[in-house]
Amino acid sequence: MAAGAALAAKRGKRSKSSLKGASRGMYKSMSKKELRRMAKTKRKGKPTKKRH
């Protein structure tokens, strides 16, 4: 979800100031190509939280 928000900001469909946390970091450090690859990853079947 964070990658999708960052990608929308890179494309100009969302304001950069609306980004928070992980999406803001991704916006600054990743290219559009990298963000697109991460944003299209399926979330179905993935854990919602990391186990310790």
C-alpha atoms as a PDB file:
ATOM      1  CA  MET A   1       0.000   0.000   0.000  1.00  0.00           C
ATOM      2  CA  ALA A   2       2.858   2.341   0.819  1.00  0.00           C
ATOM      3  CA  ALA A   3       4.435   1.722  -2.588  1.00  0.00           C
ATOM      4  CA  GLY A   4       1.141   2.536  -4.304  1.00  0.00           C
ATOM      5  CA  ALA A   5       0.814   5.809  -2.436  1.00  0.00           C
ATOM      6  CA  ALA A   6       4.404   6.765  -3.241  1.00  0.00           C
ATOM      7  CA  LEU A   7       3.900   5.894  -6.900  1.00  0.00           C
ATOM      8  CA  ALA A   8       0.761   8.047  -7.066  1.00  0.00           C
ATOM      9  CA  ALA A   9       2.752  10.967  -5.659  1.00  0.00           C
ATOM     10  CA  LYS A  10       5.561  10.430  -8.204  1.00  0.00           C
ATOM     11  CA  ARG A  11       2.964  10.488 -10.981  1.00  0.00           C
ATOM     12  CA  GLY A  12       1.432  13.699  -9.613  1.00  0.00           C
ATOM     13  CA  LYS A  13      -1.945  12.147  -8.749  1.00  0.00           C
ATOM     14  CA  ARG A  14      -1.414  12.690  -5.019  1.00  0.00           C
ATOM     15  CA  SER A  15       0.324  15.458  -3.120  1.00  0.00           C
ATOM     16  CA  LYS A  16       3.789  14.759  -1.772  1.00  0.00           C
ATOM     17  CA  SER A  17       2.865  16.343   1.563  1.00  0.00           C
ATOM     18  CA  SER A  18       0.102  13.769   2.128  1.00  0.00           C
ATOM     19  CA  LEU A  19       2.653  10.939   2.374  1.00  0.00           C
ATOM     20  CA  LYS A  20       3.587   9.620   5.808  1.00  0.00           C
ATOM     21  CA  GLY A  21       5.929   6.985   7.187  1.00  0.00           C
ATOM     22  CA  ALA A  22       7.067   4.266   4.791  1.00  0.00           C
ATOM     23  CA  SER A  23       5.482   5.840   1.720  1.00  0.00           C
ATOM     24  CA  ARG A  24       7.431   9.073   2.253  1.00  0.00           C
ATOM     25  CA  GLY A  25      10.691   7.139   2.525  1.00  0.00           C
ATOM     26  CA  MET A  26       9.885   5.148  -0.598  1.00  0.00           C
ATOM     27  CA  TYR A  27       9.022   8.320  -2.507  1.00  0.00           C
ATOM     28  CA  LYS A  28      12.433   9.788  -1.741  1.00  0.00           C
ATOM     29  CA  SER A  29      14.582   6.707  -2.280  1.00  0.00           C
ATOM     30  CA  MET A  30      12.988   4.730  -5.130  1.00  0.00           C
ATOM     31  CA  SER A  31      12.455   5.241  -8.850  1.00  0.00           C
ATOM     32  CA  LYS A  32       9.076   4.994 -10.603  1.00  0.00           C
ATOM     33  CA  LYS A  33      10.084   1.633 -12.033  1.00  0.00           C
ATOM     34  CA  GLU A  34      10.936   0.201  -8.604  1.00  0.00           C
ATOM     35  CA  LEU A  35       7.753   1.579  -7.076  1.00  0.00           C
ATOM     36  CA  ARG A  36       5.608   0.151  -9.864  1.00  0.00           C
ATOM     37  CA  ARG A  37       7.144  -3.300  -9.350  1.00  0.00           C
ATOM     38  CA  MET A  38       6.479  -3.183  -5.602  1.00  0.00           C
ATOM     39  CA  ALA A  39       2.981  -1.722  -5.951  1.00  0.00           C
ATOM     40  CA  LYS A  40       1.799  -4.484  -8.272  1.00  0.00           C
ATOM     41  CA  THR A  41       2.873  -7.256  -5.882  1.00  0.00           C
ATOM     42  CA  LYS A  42      -0.175  -9.192  -4.743  1.00  0.00           C
ATOM     43  CA  ARG A  43      -1.002  -8.916  -1.035  1.00  0.00           C
ATOM     44  CA  LYS A  44      -3.386 -11.863  -0.926  1.00  0.00           C
ATOM     45  CA  GLY A  45      -1.977 -14.621   1.268  1.00  0.00           C
ATOM     46  CA  LYS A  46       0.782 -12.443   2.675  1.00  0.00           C
ATOM     47  CA  PRO A  47       1.062 -11.892   6.435  1.00  0.00           C
ATOM     48  CA  THR A  48      -0.094  -8.480   7.628  1.00  0.00           C
ATOM     49  CA  LYS A  49       2.519  -8.292  10.386  1.00  0.00           C
ATOM     50  CA  LYS A  50       6.068  -9.511  10.635  1.00  0.00           C
ATOM     51  CA  ARG A  51       6.625 -12.265  13.189  1.00  0.00           C
ATOM     52  CA  HIS A  52       9.384 -11.830  15.731  1.00  0.00           C
END
